Amino acid sequence: MADMFGGAFYSVEASMSKILVAFFSKTGTTGEYAQVLARAFIEEGHEAEAQPFERVGSLDGYDAVVLGAPINGMQPVPELGAFIATNTGALARRPCALFTVSYMYGKARKAWDAAMQKSTATAAAAAGARTHRIFTGRLQTTSPFLMRLIFGIPKDLPLDRRDPVGMTAWA
């Protein structure tokens, strides 16, 4: 688990830790990633659970927190910012990491990828996250021609670009 967070997120010697993976998910993809991450922590011998933001009452009792949210309009959804603002003090008292999800990340024009990287880094800084990462997502239907043209998305890009193996490796 230490590698997931650049070797500095959280290390536990002999004791088990309790980790919350809190998320907002519009289409289910971010929630699926949160479940993958929680399972990876459990396999490492920690207690972990994935909960949507709206079900998280308090961060008390958690040793570490991972936040997840989709990207919409080149930035994390407002629900992430609201969760961070509500829990700023609690996040500052425990190790935190953050991930975002975008279908087109890595396949869009460089300027769009840079905008997503910058907005994710800004959200991570606001949360006090020690590390952050953008994961690819999925679409239900093919993007309209104009959208592909504007963002530079290849015509033959698969609709499902999820990377659960990458998420598990991040853990």
N, C-alpha and C. Protein backbone atom coordinates (compact mmCIF):
# COMPACT_ATOMS: atom_id res chain seq x y z
N MET A 1 0.82 -1.20 0.00
CA MET A 1 0.00 0.00 0.00
C MET A 1 0.86 1.25 0.00
N ALA A 2 2.04 1.19 0.54
CA ALA A 2 2.88 2.38 0.57
C ALA A 2 3.22 2.85 -0.85
N ASP A 3 3.40 1.91 -1.79
CA ASP A 3 3.74 2.29 -3.15
C ASP A 3 2.63 3.07 -3.84
N MET A 4 1.39 2.77 -3.50
CA MET A 4 0.26 3.46 -4.13
C MET A 4 0.36 4.95 -3.96
N PHE A 5 0.91 5.36 -2.87
CA PHE A 5 0.93 6.77 -2.55
C PHE A 5 2.36 7.30 -2.54
N GLY A 6 3.12 6.85 -3.51
CA GLY A 6 4.47 7.37 -3.68
C GLY A 6 5.37 7.01 -2.52
N GLY A 7 5.07 5.92 -1.83
CA GLY A 7 5.89 5.49 -0.71
C GLY A 7 5.64 6.30 0.54
N ALA A 8 4.75 7.29 0.48
CA ALA A 8 4.59 8.16 1.63
C ALA A 8 3.15 8.31 2.09
N PHE A 9 2.21 7.60 1.47
CA PHE A 9 0.82 7.78 1.85
C PHE A 9 0.57 7.28 3.25
N TYR A 10 0.82 6.03 3.46
CA TYR A 10 0.44 5.45 4.72
C TYR A 10 1.19 4.14 4.86
N SER A 11 1.80 3.93 5.99
CA SER A 11 2.43 2.63 6.22
C SER A 11 2.00 2.13 7.59
N VAL A 12 1.73 0.87 7.62
CA VAL A 12 1.28 0.24 8.85
C VAL A 12 2.25 -0.89 9.15
N GLU A 13 2.83 -0.86 10.32
CA GLU A 13 3.79 -1.90 10.68
C GLU A 13 3.07 -3.23 10.89
N ALA A 14 2.54 -3.47 12.09
CA ALA A 14 1.93 -4.75 12.37
C ALA A 14 0.42 -4.66 12.55
N SER A 15 -0.10 -3.46 12.62
CA SER A 15 -1.52 -3.33 12.89
C SER A 15 -2.34 -3.15 11.61
N MET A 16 -3.58 -3.54 11.70
CA MET A 16 -4.50 -3.35 10.59
C MET A 16 -5.03 -1.93 10.64
N SER A 17 -5.24 -1.33 9.50
CA SER A 17 -5.79 0.01 9.45
C SER A 17 -7.19 -0.02 8.85
N LYS A 18 -7.95 1.02 9.10
CA LYS A 18 -9.29 1.14 8.54
C LYS A 18 -9.26 2.27 7.51
N ILE A 19 -9.59 1.93 6.27
CA ILE A 19 -9.49 2.87 5.16
C ILE A 19 -10.87 3.08 4.54
N LEU A 20 -11.21 4.34 4.33
CA LEU A 20 -12.45 4.71 3.65
C LEU A 20 -12.13 5.12 2.23
N VAL A 21 -12.85 4.55 1.28
CA VAL A 21 -12.79 5.01 -0.11
C VAL A 21 -14.13 5.70 -0.35
N ALA A 22 -14.13 7.02 -0.28
CA ALA A 22 -15.35 7.82 -0.43
C ALA A 22 -15.40 8.32 -1.88
N PHE A 23 -16.60 8.27 -2.48
CA PHE A 23 -16.68 8.60 -3.89
C PHE A 23 -18.02 9.22 -4.27
N PHE A 24 -18.02 9.86 -5.43
CA PHE A 24 -19.24 10.26 -6.11
C PHE A 24 -19.18 9.61 -7.48
N SER A 25 -20.30 9.05 -7.92
CA SER A 25 -20.33 8.37 -9.21
C SER A 25 -21.60 8.73 -9.96
N LYS A 26 -21.45 9.21 -11.18
CA LYS A 26 -22.61 9.57 -12.00
C LYS A 26 -23.14 8.37 -12.77
N THR A 27 -22.25 7.57 -13.34
CA THR A 27 -22.66 6.45 -14.19
C THR A 27 -22.33 5.10 -13.58
N GLY A 28 -21.65 5.08 -12.45
CA GLY A 28 -21.27 3.83 -11.81
C GLY A 28 -19.80 3.48 -11.92
N THR A 29 -19.11 4.08 -12.86
CA THR A 29 -17.70 3.73 -13.09
C THR A 29 -16.83 4.09 -11.89
N THR A 30 -16.97 5.29 -11.35
CA THR A 30 -16.15 5.68 -10.20
C THR A 30 -16.46 4.79 -9.01
N GLY A 31 -17.72 4.44 -8.82
CA GLY A 31 -18.10 3.53 -7.75
C GLY A 31 -17.47 2.15 -7.92
N GLU A 32 -17.42 1.68 -9.16
CA GLU A 32 -16.77 0.39 -9.43
C GLU A 32 -15.29 0.46 -9.08
N TYR A 33 -14.62 1.55 -9.47
CA TYR A 33 -13.21 1.71 -9.11
C TYR A 33 -13.04 1.75 -7.59
N ALA A 34 -13.93 2.42 -6.90
CA ALA A 34 -13.84 2.49 -5.44
C ALA A 34 -13.94 1.10 -4.82
N GLN A 35 -14.81 0.28 -5.36
CA GLN A 35 -14.95 -1.10 -4.85
C GLN A 35 -13.68 -1.91 -5.13
N VAL A 36 -13.10 -1.75 -6.30
CA VAL A 36 -11.85 -2.44 -6.64
C VAL A 36 -10.76 -2.04 -5.65
N LEU A 37 -10.67 -0.76 -5.37
CA LEU A 37 -9.65 -0.25 -4.46
C LEU A 37 -9.87 -0.79 -3.04
N ALA A 38 -11.12 -0.75 -2.57
CA ALA A 38 -11.40 -1.28 -1.23
C ALA A 38 -11.04 -2.76 -1.13
N ARG A 39 -11.39 -3.54 -2.15
CA ARG A 39 -11.03 -4.97 -2.15
C ARG A 39 -9.52 -5.17 -2.12
N ALA A 40 -8.79 -4.34 -2.85
CA ALA A 40 -7.32 -4.45 -2.86
C ALA A 40 -6.76 -4.18 -1.46
N PHE A 41 -7.31 -3.19 -0.77
CA PHE A 41 -6.86 -2.92 0.60
C PHE A 41 -7.18 -4.08 1.53
N ILE A 42 -8.36 -4.67 1.37
CA ILE A 42 -8.75 -5.82 2.19
C ILE A 42 -7.81 -6.98 1.95
N GLU A 43 -7.46 -7.22 0.70
CA GLU A 43 -6.52 -8.30 0.37
C GLU A 43 -5.15 -8.06 0.99
N GLU A 44 -4.81 -6.80 1.24
CA GLU A 44 -3.55 -6.47 1.91
C GLU A 44 -3.65 -6.59 3.43
N GLY A 45 -4.83 -6.96 3.93
CA GLY A 45 -5.01 -7.18 5.36
C GLY A 45 -5.57 -5.99 6.13
N HIS A 46 -6.11 -5.03 5.42
CA HIS A 46 -6.70 -3.86 6.07
C HIS A 46 -8.21 -3.94 6.06
N GLU A 47 -8.83 -3.21 6.93
CA GLU A 47 -10.28 -3.06 6.89
C GLU A 47 -10.56 -1.88 5.97
N ALA A 48 -11.41 -2.08 4.98
CA ALA A 48 -11.69 -1.00 4.02
C ALA A 48 -13.12 -1.09 3.55
N GLU A 49 -13.67 0.07 3.24
CA GLU A 49 -15.01 0.12 2.68
C GLU A 49 -15.12 1.27 1.70
N ALA A 50 -15.96 1.07 0.69
CA ALA A 50 -16.24 2.11 -0.29
C ALA A 50 -17.64 2.63 -0.02
N GLN A 51 -17.77 3.96 0.11
CA GLN A 51 -19.05 4.58 0.40
C GLN A 51 -19.25 5.83 -0.45
N PRO A 52 -20.43 6.01 -1.02
CA PRO A 52 -20.71 7.27 -1.73
C PRO A 52 -20.65 8.44 -0.75
N PHE A 53 -20.25 9.59 -1.24
CA PHE A 53 -20.14 10.78 -0.39
C PHE A 53 -21.37 10.98 0.48
N GLU A 54 -22.55 10.81 -0.13
CA GLU A 54 -23.78 11.11 0.61
C GLU A 54 -24.03 10.18 1.79
N ARG A 55 -23.35 9.03 1.84
CA ARG A 55 -23.51 8.10 2.96
C ARG A 55 -22.42 8.24 4.02
N VAL A 56 -21.44 9.08 3.76
CA VAL A 56 -20.35 9.27 4.72
C VAL A 56 -20.77 10.35 5.71
N GLY A 57 -20.95 9.96 6.96
CA GLY A 57 -21.33 10.92 7.96
C GLY A 57 -20.13 11.62 8.57
N SER A 58 -19.13 10.85 8.92
CA SER A 58 -17.95 11.37 9.60
C SER A 58 -16.75 10.55 9.18
N LEU A 59 -15.59 11.16 9.24
CA LEU A 59 -14.36 10.44 8.94
C LEU A 59 -13.74 9.85 10.21
N ASP A 60 -14.37 10.11 11.35
CA ASP A 60 -13.89 9.54 12.60
C ASP A 60 -13.87 8.02 12.49
N GLY A 61 -12.84 7.43 13.03
CA GLY A 61 -12.72 5.98 12.99
C GLY A 61 -11.95 5.45 11.79
N TYR A 62 -11.64 6.32 10.85
CA TYR A 62 -10.85 5.90 9.69
C TYR A 62 -9.42 6.38 9.85
N ASP A 63 -8.49 5.50 9.51
CA ASP A 63 -7.07 5.85 9.61
C ASP A 63 -6.58 6.56 8.35
N ALA A 64 -7.24 6.33 7.24
CA ALA A 64 -6.85 6.93 5.96
C ALA A 64 -8.08 7.03 5.07
N VAL A 65 -8.02 7.95 4.09
CA VAL A 65 -9.16 8.19 3.20
C VAL A 65 -8.66 8.32 1.76
N VAL A 66 -9.38 7.69 0.86
CA VAL A 66 -9.16 7.87 -0.58
C VAL A 66 -10.45 8.45 -1.14
N LEU A 67 -10.33 9.53 -1.91
CA LEU A 67 -11.48 10.18 -2.52
C LEU A 67 -11.50 9.89 -4.01
N GLY A 68 -12.69 9.68 -4.57
CA GLY A 68 -12.82 9.44 -6.00
C GLY A 68 -14.00 10.18 -6.59
N ALA A 69 -13.83 10.68 -7.81
CA ALA A 69 -14.91 11.41 -8.48
C ALA A 69 -14.65 11.43 -9.99
N PRO A 70 -15.73 11.52 -10.77
CA PRO A 70 -15.56 11.66 -12.21
C PRO A 70 -15.17 13.08 -12.59
N ILE A 71 -14.63 13.20 -13.78
CA ILE A 71 -14.31 14.50 -14.36
C ILE A 71 -15.43 14.85 -15.33
N ASN A 72 -15.91 16.08 -15.23
CA ASN A 72 -16.94 16.58 -16.13
C ASN A 72 -16.55 18.01 -16.50
N GLY A 73 -16.48 18.31 -17.78
CA GLY A 73 -16.05 19.65 -18.18
C GLY A 73 -14.59 19.91 -17.85
N MET A 74 -13.75 18.91 -17.93
CA MET A 74 -12.31 18.97 -17.70
C MET A 74 -11.92 19.16 -16.22
N GLN A 75 -12.89 19.06 -15.31
CA GLN A 75 -12.56 19.17 -13.89
C GLN A 75 -13.43 18.22 -13.08
N PRO A 76 -12.95 17.84 -11.89
CA PRO A 76 -13.75 16.96 -11.05
C PRO A 76 -15.12 17.58 -10.77
N VAL A 77 -16.12 16.74 -10.64
CA VAL A 77 -17.49 17.22 -10.39
C VAL A 77 -17.54 18.04 -9.10
N PRO A 78 -18.47 18.99 -9.02
CA PRO A 78 -18.59 19.85 -7.83
C PRO A 78 -18.81 19.09 -6.52
N GLU A 79 -19.39 17.91 -6.60
CA GLU A 79 -19.62 17.11 -5.40
C GLU A 79 -18.31 16.79 -4.67
N LEU A 80 -17.22 16.63 -5.43
CA LEU A 80 -15.93 16.39 -4.80
C LEU A 80 -15.49 17.61 -4.01
N GLY A 81 -15.58 18.78 -4.61
CA GLY A 81 -15.20 20.01 -3.92
C GLY A 81 -16.03 20.23 -2.67
N ALA A 82 -17.33 19.93 -2.75
CA ALA A 82 -18.21 20.10 -1.60
C ALA A 82 -17.82 19.14 -0.48
N PHE A 83 -17.49 17.89 -0.83
CA PHE A 83 -17.09 16.92 0.19
C PHE A 83 -15.79 17.36 0.85
N ILE A 84 -14.85 17.82 0.06
CA ILE A 84 -13.57 18.30 0.61
C ILE A 84 -13.81 19.49 1.53
N ALA A 85 -14.62 20.44 1.11
CA ALA A 85 -14.89 21.63 1.92
C ALA A 85 -15.55 21.26 3.25
N THR A 86 -16.46 20.31 3.21
CA THR A 86 -17.15 19.87 4.42
C THR A 86 -16.22 19.14 5.37
N ASN A 87 -15.20 18.47 4.84
CA ASN A 87 -14.35 17.59 5.66
C ASN A 87 -12.89 18.04 5.71
N THR A 88 -12.62 19.29 5.44
CA THR A 88 -11.24 19.78 5.37
C THR A 88 -10.43 19.43 6.62
N GLY A 89 -10.96 19.72 7.78
CA GLY A 89 -10.24 19.45 9.03
C GLY A 89 -9.98 17.98 9.24
N ALA A 90 -10.99 17.16 9.00
CA ALA A 90 -10.84 15.72 9.19
C ALA A 90 -9.85 15.13 8.18
N LEU A 91 -9.87 15.63 6.95
CA LEU A 91 -8.92 15.14 5.94
C LEU A 91 -7.49 15.51 6.32
N ALA A 92 -7.31 16.68 6.93
CA ALA A 92 -5.97 17.13 7.30
C ALA A 92 -5.36 16.27 8.41
N ARG A 93 -6.19 15.56 9.14
CA ARG A 93 -5.69 14.75 10.28
C ARG A 93 -5.39 13.31 9.92
N ARG A 94 -5.49 12.95 8.66
CA ARG A 94 -5.22 11.56 8.27
C ARG A 94 -4.69 11.54 6.84
N PRO A 95 -3.95 10.50 6.49
CA PRO A 95 -3.46 10.40 5.11
C PRO A 95 -4.63 10.34 4.13
N CYS A 96 -4.44 10.99 3.00
CA CYS A 96 -5.49 11.08 1.99
C CYS A 96 -4.87 10.92 0.61
N ALA A 97 -5.62 10.30 -0.28
CA ALA A 97 -5.24 10.20 -1.70
C ALA A 97 -6.51 10.48 -2.51
N LEU A 98 -6.35 10.75 -3.79
CA LEU A 98 -7.50 11.12 -4.61
C LEU A 98 -7.34 10.54 -6.02
N PHE A 99 -8.45 10.07 -6.57
CA PHE A 99 -8.45 9.67 -7.97
C PHE A 99 -9.66 10.26 -8.67
N THR A 100 -9.49 10.52 -9.96
CA THR A 100 -10.58 10.99 -10.79
C THR A 100 -10.71 10.05 -11.98
N VAL A 101 -11.84 10.14 -12.67
CA VAL A 101 -12.13 9.24 -13.78
C VAL A 101 -12.60 10.05 -14.99
N SER A 102 -11.98 9.78 -16.15
CA SER A 102 -12.39 10.42 -17.40
C SER A 102 -12.26 9.42 -18.53
N TYR A 103 -13.32 9.27 -19.30
CA TYR A 103 -13.30 8.38 -20.45
C TYR A 103 -12.20 8.74 -21.43
N MET A 104 -12.05 10.02 -21.72
CA MET A 104 -11.15 10.41 -22.80
C MET A 104 -9.71 10.68 -22.36
N TYR A 105 -9.42 10.59 -21.08
CA TYR A 105 -8.08 10.89 -20.61
C TYR A 105 -7.04 10.01 -21.32
N GLY A 106 -5.99 10.64 -21.77
CA GLY A 106 -4.93 9.92 -22.46
C GLY A 106 -5.16 9.76 -23.96
N LYS A 107 -6.37 10.06 -24.42
CA LYS A 107 -6.68 9.95 -25.85
C LYS A 107 -7.20 11.26 -26.41
N ALA A 108 -7.40 12.23 -25.56
CA ALA A 108 -7.86 13.55 -26.02
C ALA A 108 -6.65 14.38 -26.44
N ARG A 109 -6.92 15.55 -26.98
CA ARG A 109 -5.83 16.47 -27.31
C ARG A 109 -5.04 16.79 -26.04
N LYS A 110 -3.76 17.06 -26.20
CA LYS A 110 -2.89 17.30 -25.05
C LYS A 110 -3.38 18.42 -24.15
N ALA A 111 -3.96 19.45 -24.72
CA ALA A 111 -4.46 20.57 -23.92
C ALA A 111 -5.59 20.12 -22.98
N TRP A 112 -6.45 19.21 -23.47
CA TRP A 112 -7.55 18.72 -22.63
C TRP A 112 -7.00 17.83 -21.52
N ASP A 113 -6.03 16.96 -21.86
CA ASP A 113 -5.40 16.13 -20.82
C ASP A 113 -4.73 17.01 -19.77
N ALA A 114 -4.05 18.06 -20.23
CA ALA A 114 -3.38 18.97 -19.29
C ALA A 114 -4.40 19.65 -18.38
N ALA A 115 -5.54 20.03 -18.92
CA ALA A 115 -6.58 20.67 -18.10
C ALA A 115 -7.10 19.69 -17.05
N MET A 116 -7.29 18.43 -17.43
CA MET A 116 -7.74 17.43 -16.45
C MET A 116 -6.69 17.18 -15.39
N GLN A 117 -5.42 17.13 -15.79
CA GLN A 117 -4.34 16.93 -14.82
C GLN A 117 -4.28 18.09 -13.83
N LYS A 118 -4.40 19.31 -14.35
CA LYS A 118 -4.33 20.48 -13.49
C LYS A 118 -5.50 20.53 -12.51
N SER A 119 -6.70 20.28 -12.98
CA SER A 119 -7.86 20.35 -12.09
C SER A 119 -7.85 19.22 -11.07
N THR A 120 -7.35 18.06 -11.45
CA THR A 120 -7.24 16.96 -10.49
C THR A 120 -6.19 17.29 -9.44
N ALA A 121 -5.07 17.86 -9.86
CA ALA A 121 -4.02 18.26 -8.91
C ALA A 121 -4.53 19.34 -7.95
N THR A 122 -5.33 20.25 -8.46
CA THR A 122 -5.91 21.31 -7.61
C THR A 122 -6.83 20.70 -6.56
N ALA A 123 -7.68 19.77 -6.96
CA ALA A 123 -8.57 19.09 -6.01
C ALA A 123 -7.77 18.30 -4.99
N ALA A 124 -6.72 17.63 -5.45
CA ALA A 124 -5.87 16.85 -4.53
C ALA A 124 -5.22 17.77 -3.50
N ALA A 125 -4.74 18.92 -3.94
CA ALA A 125 -4.12 19.88 -3.01
C ALA A 125 -5.15 20.38 -1.99
N ALA A 126 -6.36 20.66 -2.45
CA ALA A 126 -7.42 21.13 -1.54
C ALA A 126 -7.75 20.07 -0.48
N ALA A 127 -7.66 18.80 -0.86
CA ALA A 127 -7.95 17.71 0.07
C ALA A 127 -6.75 17.37 0.94
N GLY A 128 -5.59 17.91 0.60
CA GLY A 128 -4.38 17.54 1.32
C GLY A 128 -3.90 16.15 0.93
N ALA A 129 -4.31 15.71 -0.26
CA ALA A 129 -3.94 14.37 -0.74
C ALA A 129 -2.44 14.28 -0.99
N ARG A 130 -1.88 13.20 -0.58
CA ARG A 130 -0.45 12.98 -0.78
C ARG A 130 -0.13 12.47 -2.18
N THR A 131 -1.14 11.97 -2.86
CA THR A 131 -0.98 11.52 -4.23
C THR A 131 -2.33 11.56 -4.92
N HIS A 132 -2.30 11.56 -6.25
CA HIS A 132 -3.53 11.54 -7.03
C HIS A 132 -3.26 10.90 -8.39
N ARG A 133 -4.35 10.43 -9.02
CA ARG A 133 -4.21 9.80 -10.33
C ARG A 133 -5.53 9.89 -11.08
N ILE A 134 -5.44 9.95 -12.40
CA ILE A 134 -6.61 9.93 -13.26
C ILE A 134 -6.70 8.54 -13.91
N PHE A 135 -7.88 7.94 -13.81
CA PHE A 135 -8.13 6.65 -14.44
C PHE A 135 -9.12 6.83 -15.59
N THR A 136 -9.03 5.93 -16.56
CA THR A 136 -9.93 6.00 -17.71
C THR A 136 -11.27 5.35 -17.36
N GLY A 137 -12.32 5.79 -18.04
CA GLY A 137 -13.66 5.30 -17.76
C GLY A 137 -14.31 4.64 -18.94
N ARG A 138 -15.62 4.83 -19.03
CA ARG A 138 -16.38 4.22 -20.13
C ARG A 138 -17.53 5.13 -20.51
N LEU A 139 -18.05 4.90 -21.70
CA LEU A 139 -19.24 5.59 -22.19
C LEU A 139 -20.30 4.54 -22.52
N GLN A 140 -21.55 4.94 -22.47
CA GLN A 140 -22.65 4.04 -22.83
C GLN A 140 -22.87 4.00 -24.35
N THR A 141 -22.64 5.13 -25.00
CA THR A 141 -22.83 5.22 -26.45
C THR A 141 -21.66 5.98 -27.08
N THR A 142 -21.50 5.81 -28.36
CA THR A 142 -20.43 6.48 -29.09
C THR A 142 -20.58 7.99 -28.99
N SER A 143 -19.46 8.67 -28.84
CA SER A 143 -19.47 10.14 -28.79
C SER A 143 -19.89 10.70 -30.14
N PRO A 144 -20.67 11.79 -30.12
CA PRO A 144 -21.05 12.43 -31.39
C PRO A 144 -19.81 12.93 -32.13
N PHE A 145 -19.91 13.02 -33.43
CA PHE A 145 -18.80 13.45 -34.27
C PHE A 145 -18.19 14.77 -33.80
N LEU A 146 -19.03 15.77 -33.53
CA LEU A 146 -18.54 17.08 -33.13
C LEU A 146 -17.73 16.99 -31.82
N MET A 147 -18.19 16.19 -30.88
CA MET A 147 -17.45 16.02 -29.62
C MET A 147 -16.09 15.38 -29.88
N ARG A 148 -16.08 14.34 -30.71
CA ARG A 148 -14.80 13.69 -31.03
C ARG A 148 -13.86 14.67 -31.72
N LEU A 149 -14.40 15.50 -32.60
CA LEU A 149 -13.60 16.48 -33.31
C LEU A 149 -13.01 17.52 -32.34
N ILE A 150 -13.83 18.08 -31.50
CA ILE A 150 -13.38 19.11 -30.56
C ILE A 150 -12.32 18.57 -29.60
N PHE A 151 -12.56 17.40 -29.05
CA PHE A 151 -11.64 16.85 -28.05
C PHE A 151 -10.52 16.01 -28.64
N GLY A 152 -10.60 15.70 -29.93
CA GLY A 152 -9.55 14.92 -30.56
C GLY A 152 -9.62 13.45 -30.22
N ILE A 153 -10.80 12.96 -29.94
CA ILE A 153 -10.97 11.55 -29.56
C ILE A 153 -11.02 10.70 -30.82
N PRO A 154 -10.19 9.65 -30.90
CA PRO A 154 -10.22 8.78 -32.07
C PRO A 154 -11.59 8.14 -32.28
N LYS A 155 -11.97 8.00 -33.54
CA LYS A 155 -13.27 7.43 -33.91
C LYS A 155 -13.43 6.00 -33.40
N ASP A 156 -12.36 5.23 -33.41
CA ASP A 156 -12.43 3.82 -33.05
C ASP A 156 -12.09 3.53 -31.58
N LEU A 157 -12.10 4.54 -30.75
CA LEU A 157 -11.78 4.35 -29.33
C LEU A 157 -12.87 3.48 -28.69
N PRO A 158 -12.48 2.39 -28.01
CA PRO A 158 -13.49 1.51 -27.38
C PRO A 158 -14.34 2.29 -26.37
N LEU A 159 -15.60 1.91 -26.25
CA LEU A 159 -16.48 2.57 -25.29
C LEU A 159 -16.08 2.28 -23.84
N ASP A 160 -15.51 1.12 -23.61
CA ASP A 160 -15.11 0.74 -22.25
C ASP A 160 -13.59 0.80 -22.12
N ARG A 161 -13.11 1.80 -21.39
CA ARG A 161 -11.67 1.98 -21.19
C ARG A 161 -11.28 1.82 -19.73
N ARG A 162 -12.17 1.22 -18.93
CA ARG A 162 -11.87 1.05 -17.51
C ARG A 162 -10.58 0.24 -17.33
N ASP A 163 -9.91 0.49 -16.22
CA ASP A 163 -8.62 -0.14 -15.96
C ASP A 163 -8.57 -0.67 -14.51
N PRO A 164 -9.34 -1.72 -14.20
CA PRO A 164 -9.32 -2.23 -12.83
C PRO A 164 -7.95 -2.80 -12.45
N VAL A 165 -7.20 -3.30 -13.41
CA VAL A 165 -5.86 -3.81 -13.13
C VAL A 165 -4.97 -2.66 -12.69
N GLY A 166 -5.06 -1.51 -13.39
CA GLY A 166 -4.29 -0.34 -13.00
C GLY A 166 -4.69 0.17 -11.62
N MET A 167 -5.98 0.12 -11.31
CA MET A 167 -6.44 0.55 -9.99
C MET A 167 -5.89 -0.37 -8.91
N THR A 168 -5.93 -1.66 -9.15
CA THR A 168 -5.40 -2.62 -8.18
C THR A 168 -3.90 -2.40 -8.00
N ALA A 169 -3.19 -2.16 -9.08
CA ALA A 169 -1.76 -1.89 -9.00
C ALA A 169 -1.48 -0.61 -8.23
N TRP A 170 -2.33 0.40 -8.39
CA TRP A 170 -2.18 1.66 -7.65
C TRP A 170 -2.30 1.40 -6.16
N ALA A 171 -3.17 0.45 -5.81
CA ALA A 171 -3.33 0.11 -4.39
C ALA A 171 -2.10 -0.59 -3.86
